Amino acid sequence: MMKNSIHLITIILLVMSTHLFAQNKQDEIVAVWDTGEIKVEIYKKDRKYIGNPINSEGERNQQIEVLNLEYKEGKWVGKIYSKKRGRLLDAQCQVKGDKLLIEITARLISANLKWSRVE
């Protein structure tokens, strides 16, 4: 009986720690990122990751949404706003160290961006 209880407690702790690690991994995108032109703050709102540009006073401009992502299967997927095209495009993101790697697809064309973590 005692042995089964110890096994059960071990399994529960393992599941909880795996969930916490996955949660930390999901939230590693939450930061201010330098795009090379502007800075974008990505924050978590409910289950989404939203990116807004930072204005000259260092404040998040909530009127403009640059990114709208969800965490799925080890990466962030969703939409990114293309100023050049004036519309939303499909995007997949991964964090590698202090870099945010973004793959953008528009029909058959794809492009890659690399943003740098500010904070």
PDB file of N, CA and C in Angstrom:
ATOM      1  N   MET A   1       0.824  -1.193   0.000  1.00  0.00           N
ATOM      2  CA  MET A   1       0.000   0.000   0.000  1.00  0.00           C
ATOM      3  C   MET A   1       0.869   1.258   0.000  1.00  0.00           C
ATOM      4  N   MET A   2       1.860   1.304   0.868  1.00  0.00           N
ATOM      5  CA  MET A   2       2.767   2.455   0.961  1.00  0.00           C
ATOM      6  C   MET A   2       3.567   2.616  -0.336  1.00  0.00           C
ATOM      7  N   LYS A   3       3.985   1.489  -0.892  1.00  0.00           N
ATOM      8  CA  LYS A   3       4.763   1.523  -2.127  1.00  0.00           C
ATOM      9  C   LYS A   3       3.917   2.108  -3.273  1.00  0.00           C
ATOM     10  N   ASN A   4       2.644   1.720  -3.363  1.00  0.00           N
ATOM     11  CA  ASN A   4       1.755   2.256  -4.407  1.00  0.00           C
ATOM     12  C   ASN A   4       1.540   3.750  -4.231  1.00  0.00           C
ATOM     13  N   SER A   5       1.431   4.196  -2.983  1.00  0.00           N
ATOM     14  CA  SER A   5       1.249   5.627  -2.714  1.00  0.00           C
ATOM     15  C   SER A   5       2.460   6.427  -3.162  1.00  0.00           C
ATOM     16  N   ILE A   6       3.633   5.906  -2.904  1.00  0.00           N
ATOM     17  CA  ILE A   6       4.877   6.585  -3.314  1.00  0.00           C
ATOM     18  C   ILE A   6       4.945   6.666  -4.832  1.00  0.00           C
ATOM     19  N   HIS A   7       4.585   5.589  -5.520  1.00  0.00           N
ATOM     20  CA  HIS A   7       4.579   5.602  -6.993  1.00  0.00           C
ATOM     21  C   HIS A   7       3.585   6.625  -7.523  1.00  0.00           C
ATOM     22  N   LEU A   8       2.421   6.669  -6.907  1.00  0.00           N
ATOM     23  CA  LEU A   8       1.393   7.616  -7.334  1.00  0.00           C
ATOM     24  C   LEU A   8       1.868   9.058  -7.135  1.00  0.00           C
ATOM     25  N   ILE A   9       2.466   9.345  -6.000  1.00  0.00           N
ATOM     26  CA  ILE A   9       2.991  10.685  -5.725  1.00  0.00           C
ATOM     27  C   ILE A   9       4.091  11.036  -6.720  1.00  0.00           C
ATOM     28  N   THR A  10       4.965  10.104  -7.021  1.00  0.00           N
ATOM     29  CA  THR A  10       6.038  10.333  -7.995  1.00  0.00           C
ATOM     30  C   THR A  10       5.466  10.659  -9.371  1.00  0.00           C
ATOM     31  N   ILE A  11       4.458   9.924  -9.785  1.00  0.00           N
ATOM     32  CA  ILE A  11       3.836  10.162 -11.095  1.00  0.00           C
ATOM     33  C   ILE A  11       3.175  11.539 -11.126  1.00  0.00           C
ATOM     34  N   ILE A  12       2.475  11.894 -10.072  1.00  0.00           N
ATOM     35  CA  ILE A  12       1.818  13.201 -10.007  1.00  0.00           C
ATOM     36  C   ILE A  12       2.850  14.317 -10.089  1.00  0.00           C
ATOM     37  N   LEU A  13       3.940  14.198  -9.348  1.00  0.00           N
ATOM     38  CA  LEU A  13       4.987  15.223  -9.373  1.00  0.00           C
ATOM     39  C   LEU A  13       5.620  15.329 -10.758  1.00  0.00           C
ATOM     40  N   LEU A  14       5.831  14.206 -11.396  1.00  0.00           N
ATOM     41  CA  LEU A  14       6.415  14.200 -12.738  1.00  0.00           C
ATOM     42  C   LEU A  14       5.493  14.901 -13.732  1.00  0.00           C
ATOM     43  N   VAL A  15       4.215  14.606 -13.692  1.00  0.00           N
ATOM     44  CA  VAL A  15       3.243  15.239 -14.590  1.00  0.00           C
ATOM     45  C   VAL A  15       3.184  16.739 -14.333  1.00  0.00           C
ATOM     46  N   MET A  16       3.156  17.140 -13.064  1.00  0.00           N
ATOM     47  CA  MET A  16       3.095  18.561 -12.732  1.00  0.00           C
ATOM     48  C   MET A  16       4.340  19.299 -13.204  1.00  0.00           C
ATOM     49  N   SER A  17       5.525  18.720 -13.013  1.00  0.00           N
ATOM     50  CA  SER A  17       6.755  19.393 -13.427  1.00  0.00           C
ATOM     51  C   SER A  17       6.840  19.490 -14.940  1.00  0.00           C
ATOM     52  N   THR A  18       6.363  18.483 -15.656  1.00  0.00           N
ATOM     53  CA  THR A  18       6.341  18.530 -17.116  1.00  0.00           C
ATOM     54  C   THR A  18       5.415  19.639 -17.588  1.00  0.00           C
ATOM     55  N   HIS A  19       4.269  19.777 -16.954  1.00  0.00           N
ATOM     56  CA  HIS A  19       3.326  20.838 -17.316  1.00  0.00           C
ATOM     57  C   HIS A  19       3.933  22.214 -17.044  1.00  0.00           C
ATOM     58  N   LEU A  20       4.597  22.379 -15.904  1.00  0.00           N
ATOM     59  CA  LEU A  20       5.224  23.663 -15.584  1.00  0.00           C
ATOM     60  C   LEU A  20       6.336  23.995 -16.559  1.00  0.00           C
ATOM     61  N   PHE A  21       7.144  23.001 -16.943  1.00  0.00           N
ATOM     62  CA  PHE A  21       8.213  23.234 -17.910  1.00  0.00           C
ATOM     63  C   PHE A  21       7.625  23.656 -19.257  1.00  0.00           C
ATOM     64  N   ALA A  22       6.559  22.983 -19.681  1.00  0.00           N
ATOM     65  CA  ALA A  22       5.910  23.327 -20.958  1.00  0.00           C
ATOM     66  C   ALA A  22       5.354  24.742 -20.900  1.00  0.00           C
ATOM     67  N   GLN A  23       4.780  25.135 -19.763  1.00  0.00           N
ATOM     68  CA  GLN A  23       4.240  26.480 -19.608  1.00  0.00           C
ATOM     69  C   GLN A  23       5.351  27.514 -19.719  1.00  0.00           C
ATOM     70  N   ASN A  24       6.511  27.255 -19.072  1.00  0.00           N
ATOM     71  CA  ASN A  24       7.639  28.179 -19.165  1.00  0.00           C
ATOM     72  C   ASN A  24       8.132  28.279 -20.599  1.00  0.00           C
ATOM     73  N   LYS A  25       8.169  27.178 -21.311  1.00  0.00           N
ATOM     74  CA  LYS A  25       8.600  27.162 -22.710  1.00  0.00           C
ATOM     75  C   LYS A  25       7.661  28.018 -23.561  1.00  0.00           C
ATOM     76  N   GLN A  26       6.359  27.880 -23.329  1.00  0.00           N
ATOM     77  CA  GLN A  26       5.381  28.661 -24.088  1.00  0.00           C
ATOM     78  C   GLN A  26       5.578  30.153 -23.873  1.00  0.00           C
ATOM     79  N   ASP A  27       5.875  30.529 -22.641  1.00  0.00           N
ATOM     80  CA  ASP A  27       5.956  31.942 -22.288  1.00  0.00           C
ATOM     81  C   ASP A  27       7.308  32.577 -22.594  1.00  0.00           C
ATOM     82  N   GLU A  28       8.267  31.813 -23.122  1.00  0.00           N
ATOM     83  CA  GLU A  28       9.570  32.419 -23.409  1.00  0.00           C
ATOM     84  C   GLU A  28       9.504  33.440 -24.542  1.00  0.00           C
ATOM     85  N   ILE A  29       8.416  33.481 -25.278  1.00  0.00           N
ATOM     86  CA  ILE A  29       8.236  34.482 -26.336  1.00  0.00           C
ATOM     87  C   ILE A  29       7.815  35.832 -25.749  1.00  0.00           C
ATOM     88  N   VAL A  30       7.344  35.832 -24.501  1.00  0.00           N
ATOM     89  CA  VAL A  30       6.876  37.058 -23.844  1.00  0.00           C
ATOM     90  C   VAL A  30       8.086  37.940 -23.535  1.00  0.00           C
ATOM     91  N   ALA A  31       8.202  39.048 -24.283  1.00  0.00           N
ATOM     92  CA  ALA A  31       9.351  39.957 -24.151  1.00  0.00           C
ATOM     93  C   ALA A  31       9.149  41.126 -25.096  1.00  0.00           C
ATOM     94  N   VAL A  32      10.109  42.040 -25.079  1.00  0.00           N
ATOM     95  CA  VAL A  32      10.172  43.104 -26.081  1.00  0.00           C
ATOM     96  C   VAL A  32      11.208  42.667 -27.103  1.00  0.00           C
ATOM     97  N   TRP A  33      10.857  42.760 -28.375  1.00  0.00           N
ATOM     98  CA  TRP A  33      11.710  42.313 -29.477  1.00  0.00           C
ATOM     99  C   TRP A  33      12.007  43.479 -30.411  1.00  0.00           C
ATOM    100  N   ASP A  34      13.248  43.534 -30.874  1.00  0.00           N
ATOM    101  CA  ASP A  34      13.686  44.549 -31.834  1.00  0.00           C
ATOM    102  C   ASP A  34      13.617  43.934 -33.225  1.00  0.00           C
ATOM    103  N   THR A  35      12.812  44.527 -34.111  1.00  0.00           N
ATOM    104  CA  THR A  35      12.637  43.998 -35.462  1.00  0.00           C
ATOM    105  C   THR A  35      13.687  44.529 -36.431  1.00  0.00           C
ATOM    106  N   GLY A  36      14.466  45.507 -35.974  1.00  0.00           N
ATOM    107  CA  GLY A  36      15.399  46.187 -36.859  1.00  0.00           C
ATOM    108  C   GLY A  36      14.842  47.527 -37.309  1.00  0.00           C
ATOM    109  N   GLU A  37      13.518  47.670 -37.260  1.00  0.00           N
ATOM    110  CA  GLU A  37      12.849  48.928 -37.601  1.00  0.00           C
ATOM    111  C   GLU A  37      12.116  49.506 -36.395  1.00  0.00           C
ATOM    112  N   ILE A  38      11.410  48.631 -35.682  1.00  0.00           N
ATOM    113  CA  ILE A  38      10.649  49.037 -34.498  1.00  0.00           C
ATOM    114  C   ILE A  38      10.845  47.992 -33.408  1.00  0.00           C
ATOM    115  N   LYS A  39      10.331  48.307 -32.226  1.00  0.00           N
ATOM    116  CA  LYS A  39      10.301  47.326 -31.149  1.00  0.00           C
ATOM    117  C   LYS A  39       8.858  46.873 -30.975  1.00  0.00           C
ATOM    118  N   VAL A  40       8.701  45.562 -30.691  1.00  0.00           N
ATOM    119  CA  VAL A  40       7.384  44.958 -30.525  1.00  0.00           C
ATOM    120  C   VAL A  40       7.361  44.245 -29.173  1.00  0.00           C
ATOM    121  N   GLU A  41       6.328  44.519 -28.389  1.00  0.00           N
ATOM    122  CA  GLU A  41       6.155  43.815 -27.126  1.00  0.00           C
ATOM    123  C   GLU A  41       5.168  42.679 -27.332  1.00  0.00           C
ATOM    124  N   ILE A  42       5.605  41.468 -26.998  1.00  0.00           N
ATOM    125  CA  ILE A  42       4.723  40.299 -27.072  1.00  0.00           C
ATOM    126  C   ILE A  42       4.335  39.943 -25.642  1.00  0.00           C
ATOM    127  N   TYR A  43       3.045  39.800 -25.417  1.00  0.00           N
ATOM    128  CA  TYR A  43       2.517  39.470 -24.096  1.00  0.00           C
ATOM    129  C   TYR A  43       1.432  38.412 -24.251  1.00  0.00           C
ATOM    130  N   LYS A  44       1.114  37.763 -23.147  1.00  0.00           N
ATOM    131  CA  LYS A  44       0.103  36.713 -23.164  1.00  0.00           C
ATOM    132  C   LYS A  44      -1.231  37.288 -22.709  1.00  0.00           C
ATOM    133  N   LYS A  45      -2.265  36.995 -23.491  1.00  0.00           N
ATOM    134  CA  LYS A  45      -3.631  37.408 -23.154  1.00  0.00           C
ATOM    135  C   LYS A  45      -4.509  36.175 -23.325  1.00  0.00           C
ATOM    136  N   ASP A  46      -4.993  35.647 -22.209  1.00  0.00           N
ATOM    137  CA  ASP A  46      -5.722  34.386 -22.194  1.00  0.00           C
ATOM    138  C   ASP A  46      -4.805  33.291 -22.752  1.00  0.00           C
ATOM    139  N   ARG A  47      -5.145  32.655 -23.845  1.00  0.00           N
ATOM    140  CA  ARG A  47      -4.305  31.598 -24.431  1.00  0.00           C
ATOM    141  C   ARG A  47      -3.558  32.082 -25.673  1.00  0.00           C
ATOM    142  N   LYS A  48      -3.648  33.370 -25.968  1.00  0.00           N
ATOM    143  CA  LYS A  48      -3.020  33.964 -27.158  1.00  0.00           C
ATOM    144  C   LYS A  48      -1.784  34.758 -26.768  1.00  0.00           C
ATOM    145  N   TYR A  49      -0.900  34.904 -27.733  1.00  0.00           N
ATOM    146  CA  TYR A  49       0.282  35.756 -27.593  1.00  0.00           C
ATOM    147  C   TYR A  49       0.119  36.893 -28.587  1.00  0.00           C
ATOM    148  N   ILE A  50       0.021  38.101 -28.058  1.00  0.00           N
ATOM    149  CA  ILE A  50      -0.263  39.285 -28.856  1.00  0.00           C
ATOM    150  C   ILE A  50       0.986  40.147 -28.921  1.00  0.00           C
ATOM    151  N   GLY A  51       1.260  40.725 -30.091  1.00  0.00           N
ATOM    152  CA  GLY A  51       2.396  41.623 -30.263  1.00  0.00           C
ATOM    153  C   GLY A  51       1.932  42.993 -30.693  1.00  0.00           C
ATOM    154  N   ASN A  52       2.340  44.012 -29.939  1.00  0.00           N
ATOM    155  CA  ASN A  52       2.024  45.404 -30.274  1.00  0.00           C
ATOM    156  C   ASN A  52       3.323  46.189 -30.388  1.00  0.00           C
ATOM    157  N   PRO A  53       3.364  47.174 -31.289  1.00  0.00           N
ATOM    158  CA  PRO A  53       4.570  48.009 -31.390  1.00  0.00           C
ATOM    159  C   PRO A  53       4.728  48.891 -30.150  1.00  0.00           C
ATOM    160  N   ILE A  54       5.969  49.236 -29.878  1.00  0.00           N
ATOM    161  CA  ILE A  54       6.298  50.146 -28.781  1.00  0.00           C
ATOM    162  C   ILE A  54       6.468  51.536 -29.396  1.00  0.00           C
ATOM    163  N   ASN A  55       5.781  52.542 -28.828  1.00  0.00           N
ATOM    164  CA  ASN A  55       5.895  53.900 -29.374  1.00  0.00           C
ATOM    165  C   ASN A  55       7.163  54.594 -28.873  1.00  0.00           C
ATOM    166  N   SER A  56       7.387  55.819 -29.297  1.00  0.00           N
ATOM    167  CA  SER A  56       8.624  56.539 -28.958  1.00  0.00           C
ATOM    168  C   SER A  56       8.760  56.810 -27.461  1.00  0.00           C
ATOM    169  N   GLU A  57       7.650  56.770 -26.711  1.00  0.00           N
ATOM    170  CA  GLU A  57       7.710  56.951 -25.256  1.00  0.00           C
ATOM    171  C   GLU A  57       7.967  55.626 -24.529  1.00  0.00           C
ATOM    172  N   GLY A  58       8.113  54.542 -25.296  1.00  0.00           N
ATOM    173  CA  GLY A  58       8.361  53.234 -24.697  1.00  0.00           C
ATOM    174  C   GLY A  58       7.105  52.532 -24.220  1.00  0.00           C
ATOM    175  N   GLU A  59       5.945  52.985 -24.681  1.00  0.00           N
ATOM    176  CA  GLU A  59       4.676  52.399 -24.278  1.00  0.00           C
ATOM    177  C   GLU A  59       4.118  51.529 -25.400  1.00  0.00           C
ATOM    178  N   ARG A  60       3.412  50.478 -25.009  1.00  0.00           N
ATOM    179  CA  ARG A  60       2.792  49.572 -25.975  1.00  0.00           C
ATOM    180  C   ARG A  60       1.598  50.259 -26.637  1.00  0.00           C
ATOM    181  N   ASN A  61       1.571  50.277 -27.969  1.00  0.00           N
ATOM    182  CA  ASN A  61       0.462  50.844 -28.735  1.00  0.00           C
ATOM    183  C   ASN A  61      -0.563  49.739 -28.963  1.00  0.00           C
ATOM    184  N   GLN A  62      -1.604  49.713 -28.139  1.00  0.00           N
ATOM    185  CA  GLN A  62      -2.592  48.638 -28.211  1.00  0.00           C
ATOM    186  C   GLN A  62      -3.575  48.811 -29.363  1.00  0.00           C
ATOM    187  N   GLN A  63      -3.474  49.917 -30.076  1.00  0.00           N
ATOM    188  CA  GLN A  63      -4.347  50.139 -31.225  1.00  0.00           C
ATOM    189  C   GLN A  63      -3.886  49.325 -32.442  1.00  0.00           C
ATOM    190  N   ILE A  64      -2.608  48.939 -32.443  1.00  0.00           N
ATOM    191  CA  ILE A  64      -2.034  48.207 -33.580  1.00  0.00           C
ATOM    192  C   ILE A  64      -1.592  46.831 -33.101  1.00  0.00           C
ATOM    193  N   GLU A  65      -2.136  45.794 -33.712  1.00  0.00           N
ATOM    194  CA  GLU A  65      -1.758  44.421 -33.373  1.00  0.00           C
ATOM    195  C   GLU A  65      -0.892  43.865 -34.503  1.00  0.00           C
ATOM    196  N   VAL A  66       0.379  43.634 -34.194  1.00  0.00           N
ATOM    197  CA  VAL A  66       1.330  43.144 -35.188  1.00  0.00           C
ATOM    198  C   VAL A  66       1.309  41.615 -35.263  1.00  0.00           C
ATOM    199  N   LEU A  67       1.164  40.961 -34.106  1.00  0.00           N
ATOM    200  CA  LEU A  67       1.153  39.502 -34.040  1.00  0.00           C
ATOM    201  C   LEU A  67      -0.053  39.012 -33.255  1.00  0.00           C
ATOM    202  N   ASN A  68      -0.574  37.844 -33.656  1.00  0.00           N
ATOM    203  CA  ASN A  68      -1.621  37.162 -32.921  1.00  0.00           C
ATOM    204  C   ASN A  68      -1.318  35.677 -33.068  1.00  0.00           C
ATOM    205  N   LEU A  69      -0.804  35.067 -31.985  1.00  0.00           N
ATOM    206  CA  LEU A  69      -0.276  33.711 -32.060  1.00  0.00           C
ATOM    207  C   LEU A  69      -0.879  32.803 -30.994  1.00  0.00           C
ATOM    208  N   GLU A  70      -0.792  31.496 -31.253  1.00  0.00           N
ATOM    209  CA  GLU A  70      -1.115  30.466 -30.278  1.00  0.00           C
ATOM    210  C   GLU A  70       0.061  29.504 -30.228  1.00  0.00           C
ATOM    211  N   TYR A  71       0.284  28.881 -29.066  1.00  0.00           N
ATOM    212  CA  TYR A  71       1.369  27.904 -28.928  1.00  0.00           C
ATOM    213  C   TYR A  71       0.823  26.524 -29.258  1.00  0.00           C
ATOM    214  N   LYS A  72       1.387  25.900 -30.296  1.00  0.00           N
ATOM    215  CA  LYS A  72       0.952  24.574 -30.729  1.00  0.00           C
ATOM    216  C   LYS A  72       2.167  23.747 -31.133  1.00  0.00           C
ATOM    217  N   GLU A  73       2.264  22.566 -30.566  1.00  0.00           N
ATOM    218  CA  GLU A  73       3.288  21.590 -30.956  1.00  0.00           C
ATOM    219  C   GLU A  73       4.700  22.172 -30.972  1.00  0.00           C
ATOM    220  N   GLY A  74       5.044  22.923 -29.928  1.00  0.00           N
ATOM    221  CA  GLY A  74       6.414  23.404 -29.778  1.00  0.00           C
ATOM    222  C   GLY A  74       6.757  24.685 -30.504  1.00  0.00           C
ATOM    223  N   LYS A  75       5.763  25.336 -31.115  1.00  0.00           N
ATOM    224  CA  LYS A  75       6.028  26.621 -31.766  1.00  0.00           C
ATOM    225  C   LYS A  75       4.791  27.489 -31.697  1.00  0.00           C
ATOM    226  N   TRP A  76       4.961  28.750 -31.986  1.00  0.00           N
ATOM    227  CA  TRP A  76       3.861  29.701 -31.987  1.00  0.00           C
ATOM    228  C   TRP A  76       3.396  29.863 -33.426  1.00  0.00           C
ATOM    229  N   VAL A  77       2.107  29.726 -33.650  1.00  0.00           N
ATOM    230  CA  VAL A  77       1.542  29.859 -34.989  1.00  0.00           C
ATOM    231  C   VAL A  77       0.388  30.848 -34.969  1.00  0.00           C
ATOM    232  N   GLY A  78       0.224  31.558 -36.055  1.00  0.00           N
ATOM    233  CA  GLY A  78      -0.864  32.524 -36.136  1.00  0.00           C
ATOM    234  C   GLY A  78      -0.646  33.488 -37.273  1.00  0.00           C
ATOM    235  N   LYS A  79      -0.894  34.767 -36.987  1.00  0.00           N
ATOM    236  CA  LYS A  79      -0.843  35.804 -38.020  1.00  0.00           C
ATOM    237  C   LYS A  79       0.127  36.916 -37.630  1.00  0.00           C
ATOM    238  N   ILE A  80       0.766  37.486 -38.653  1.00  0.00           N
ATOM    239  CA  ILE A  80       1.621  38.654 -38.503  1.00  0.00           C
ATOM    240  C   ILE A  80       1.143  39.693 -39.516  1.00  0.00           C
ATOM    241  N   TYR A  81       1.152  40.941 -39.099  1.00  0.00           N
ATOM    242  CA  TYR A  81       0.731  42.009 -39.998  1.00  0.00           C
ATOM    243  C   TYR A  81       1.903  42.432 -40.874  1.00  0.00           C
ATOM    244  N   SER A  82       1.686  42.453 -42.175  1.00  0.00           N
ATOM    245  CA  SER A  82       2.687  42.909 -43.127  1.00  0.00           C
ATOM    246  C   SER A  82       2.358  44.336 -43.543  1.00  0.00           C
ATOM    247  N   LYS A  83       3.195  45.278 -43.084  1.00  0.00           N
ATOM    248  CA  LYS A  83       2.988  46.680 -43.448  1.00  0.00           C
ATOM    249  C   LYS A  83       3.142  46.861 -44.960  1.00  0.00           C
ATOM    250  N   LYS A  84       4.087  46.138 -45.534  1.00  0.00           N
ATOM    251  CA  LYS A  84       4.361  46.227 -46.974  1.00  0.00           C
ATOM    252  C   LYS A  84       3.150  45.781 -47.803  1.00  0.00           C
ATOM    253  N   ARG A  85       2.488  44.710 -47.378  1.00  0.00           N
ATOM    254  CA  ARG A  85       1.337  44.182 -48.116  1.00  0.00           C
ATOM    255  C   ARG A  85       0.005  44.721 -47.591  1.00  0.00           C
ATOM    256  N   GLY A  86       0.036  45.315 -46.394  1.00  0.00           N
ATOM    257  CA  GLY A  86      -1.177  45.871 -45.814  1.00  0.00           C
ATOM    258  C   GLY A  86      -2.197  44.836 -45.388  1.00  0.00           C
ATOM    259  N   ARG A  87      -1.732  43.637 -45.008  1.00  0.00           N
ATOM    260  CA  ARG A  87      -2.660  42.590 -44.584  1.00  0.00           C
ATOM    261  C   ARG A  87      -1.960  41.591 -43.664  1.00  0.00           C
ATOM    262  N   LEU A  88      -2.751  40.674 -43.103  1.00  0.00           N
ATOM    263  CA  LEU A  88      -2.229  39.637 -42.224  1.00  0.00           C
ATOM    264  C   LEU A  88      -1.732  38.459 -43.042  1.00  0.00           C
ATOM    265  N   LEU A  89      -0.596  37.905 -42.618  1.00  0.00           N
ATOM    266  CA  LEU A  89      -0.020  36.732 -43.273  1.00  0.00           C
ATOM    267  C   LEU A  89       0.185  35.637 -42.225  1.00  0.00           C
ATOM    268  N   ASP A  90       0.231  34.392 -42.680  1.00  0.00           N
ATOM    269  CA  ASP A  90       0.487  33.266 -41.774  1.00  0.00           C
ATOM    270  C   ASP A  90       1.922  33.324 -41.259  1.00  0.00           C
ATOM    271  N   ALA A  91       2.092  32.979 -39.983  1.00  0.00           N
ATOM    272  CA  ALA A  91       3.422  33.014 -39.379  1.00  0.00           C
ATOM    273  C   ALA A  91       3.606  31.856 -38.413  1.00  0.00           C
ATOM    274  N   GLN A  92       4.852  31.362 -38.359  1.00  0.00           N
ATOM    275  CA  GLN A  92       5.287  30.390 -37.355  1.00  0.00           C
ATOM    276  C   GLN A  92       6.536  30.954 -36.707  1.00  0.00           C
ATOM    277  N   CYS A  93       6.595  30.882 -35.380  1.00  0.00           N
ATOM    278  CA  CYS A  93       7.719  31.468 -34.646  1.00  0.00           C
ATOM    279  C   CYS A  93       8.363  30.442 -33.732  1.00  0.00           C
ATOM    280  N   GLN A  94       9.672  30.604 -33.558  1.00  0.00           N
ATOM    281  CA  GLN A  94      10.432  29.817 -32.594  1.00  0.00           C
ATOM    282  C   GLN A  94      11.430  30.730 -31.917  1.00  0.00           C
ATOM    283  N   VAL A  95      11.652  30.503 -30.625  1.00  0.00           N
ATOM    284  CA  VAL A  95      12.655  31.251 -29.882  1.00  0.00           C
ATOM    285  C   VAL A  95      13.917  30.408 -29.824  1.00  0.00           C
ATOM    286  N   LYS A  96      15.028  30.996 -30.239  1.00  0.00           N
ATOM    287  CA  LYS A  96      16.350  30.354 -30.161  1.00  0.00           C
ATOM    288  C   LYS A  96      17.268  31.312 -29.419  1.00  0.00           C
ATOM    289  N   GLY A  97      17.469  31.064 -28.128  1.00  0.00           N
ATOM    290  CA  GLY A  97      18.292  31.961 -27.323  1.00  0.00           C
ATOM    291  C   GLY A  97      17.636  33.318 -27.213  1.00  0.00           C
ATOM    292  N   ASP A  98      18.339  34.363 -27.678  1.00  0.00           N
ATOM    293  CA  ASP A  98      17.779  35.718 -27.624  1.00  0.00           C
ATOM    294  C   ASP A  98      17.230  36.161 -28.980  1.00  0.00           C
ATOM    295  N   LYS A  99      16.954  35.212 -29.862  1.00  0.00           N
ATOM    296  CA  LYS A  99      16.408  35.506 -31.195  1.00  0.00           C
ATOM    297  C   LYS A  99      15.016  34.907 -31.349  1.00  0.00           C
ATOM    298  N   LEU A 100      14.158  35.648 -32.020  1.00  0.00           N
ATOM    299  CA  LEU A 100      12.842  35.154 -32.403  1.00  0.00           C
ATOM    300  C   LEU A 100      12.876  34.932 -33.908  1.00  0.00           C
ATOM    301  N   LEU A 101      12.768  33.681 -34.310  1.00  0.00           N
ATOM    302  CA  LEU A 101      12.800  33.319 -35.724  1.00  0.00           C
ATOM    303  C   LEU A 101      11.364  33.191 -36.220  1.00  0.00           C
ATOM    304  N   ILE A 102      11.044  33.948 -37.249  1.00  0.00           N
ATOM    305  CA  ILE A 102       9.677  33.995 -37.764  1.00  0.00           C
ATOM    306  C   ILE A 102       9.679  33.571 -39.223  1.00  0.00           C
ATOM    307  N   GLU A 103       8.870  32.569 -39.540  1.00  0.00           N
ATOM    308  CA  GLU A 103       8.684  32.148 -40.928  1.00  0.00           C
ATOM    309  C   GLU A 103       7.299  32.619 -41.357  1.00  0.00           C
ATOM    310  N   ILE A 104       7.278  33.436 -42.399  1.00  0.00           N
ATOM    311  CA  ILE A 104       6.035  34.012 -42.902  1.00  0.00           C
ATOM    312  C   ILE A 104       5.710  33.369 -44.239  1.00  0.00           C
ATOM    313  N   THR A 105       4.449  32.992 -44.407  1.00  0.00           N
ATOM    314  CA  THR A 105       4.038  32.425 -45.691  1.00  0.00           C
ATOM    315  C   THR A 105       2.836  33.183 -46.238  1.00  0.00           C
ATOM    316  N   ALA A 106       2.896  33.436 -47.522  1.00  0.00           N
ATOM    317  CA  ALA A 106       1.804  34.069 -48.254  1.00  0.00           C
ATOM    318  C   ALA A 106       1.631  33.286 -49.544  1.00  0.00           C
ATOM    319  N   ARG A 107       0.647  32.450 -49.555  1.00  0.00           N
ATOM    320  CA  ARG A 107       0.417  31.530 -50.664  1.00  0.00           C
ATOM    321  C   ARG A 107       1.640  30.638 -50.853  1.00  0.00           C
ATOM    322  N   LEU A 108       2.336  30.756 -51.971  1.00  0.00           N
ATOM    323  CA  LEU A 108       3.492  29.886 -52.220  1.00  0.00           C
ATOM    324  C   LEU A 108       4.828  30.529 -51.846  1.00  0.00           C
ATOM    325  N   ILE A 109       4.789  31.768 -51.407  1.00  0.00           N
ATOM    326  CA  ILE A 109       6.018  32.502 -51.081  1.00  0.00           C
ATOM    327  C   ILE A 109       6.220  32.480 -49.569  1.00  0.00           C
ATOM    328  N   SER A 110       7.481  32.293 -49.153  1.00  0.00           N
ATOM    329  CA  SER A 110       7.778  32.363 -47.723  1.00  0.00           C
ATOM    330  C   SER A 110       8.989  33.261 -47.501  1.00  0.00           C
ATOM    331  N   ALA A 111       9.059  33.818 -46.312  1.00  0.00           N
ATOM    332  CA  ALA A 111      10.179  34.681 -45.931  1.00  0.00           C
ATOM    333  C   ALA A 111      10.502  34.408 -44.468  1.00  0.00           C
ATOM    334  N   ASN A 112      11.749  34.678 -44.103  1.00  0.00           N
ATOM    335  CA  ASN A 112      12.178  34.478 -42.725  1.00  0.00           C
ATOM    336  C   ASN A 112      12.647  35.796 -42.130  1.00  0.00           C
ATOM    337  N   LEU A 113      12.231  36.046 -40.899  1.00  0.00           N
ATOM    338  CA  LEU A 113      12.650  37.221 -40.142  1.00  0.00           C
ATOM    339  C   LEU A 113      13.377  36.780 -38.887  1.00  0.00           C
ATOM    340  N   LYS A 114      14.256  37.626 -38.394  1.00  0.00           N
ATOM    341  CA  LYS A 114      14.948  37.352 -37.144  1.00  0.00           C
ATOM    342  C   LYS A 114      14.892  38.607 -36.288  1.00  0.00           C
ATOM    343  N   TRP A 115      14.191  38.522 -35.161  1.00  0.00           N
ATOM    344  CA  TRP A 115      14.091  39.622 -34.222  1.00  0.00           C
ATOM    345  C   TRP A 115      14.996  39.331 -33.031  1.00  0.00           C
ATOM    346  N   SER A 116      15.477  40.368 -32.361  1.00  0.00           N
ATOM    347  CA  SER A 116      16.371  40.221 -31.201  1.00  0.00           C
ATOM    348  C   SER A 116      15.648  40.642 -29.921  1.00  0.00           C
ATOM    349  N   ARG A 117      15.862  39.862 -28.862  1.00  0.00           N
ATOM    350  CA  ARG A 117      15.243  40.167 -27.566  1.00  0.00           C
ATOM    351  C   ARG A 117      15.868  41.427 -26.987  1.00  0.00           C
ATOM    352  N   VAL A 118      15.017  42.356 -26.504  1.00  0.00           N
ATOM    353  CA  VAL A 118      15.473  43.589 -25.887  1.00  0.00           C
ATOM    354  C   VAL A 118      15.559  43.418 -24.386  1.00  0.00           C
ATOM    355  N   GLU A 119      14.538  42.798 -23.772  1.00  0.00           N
ATOM    356  CA  GLU A 119      14.543  42.586 -22.320  1.00  0.00           C
ATOM    357  C   GLU A 119      14.129  41.185 -21.974  1.00  0.00           C
TER     358      GLU A 119
END
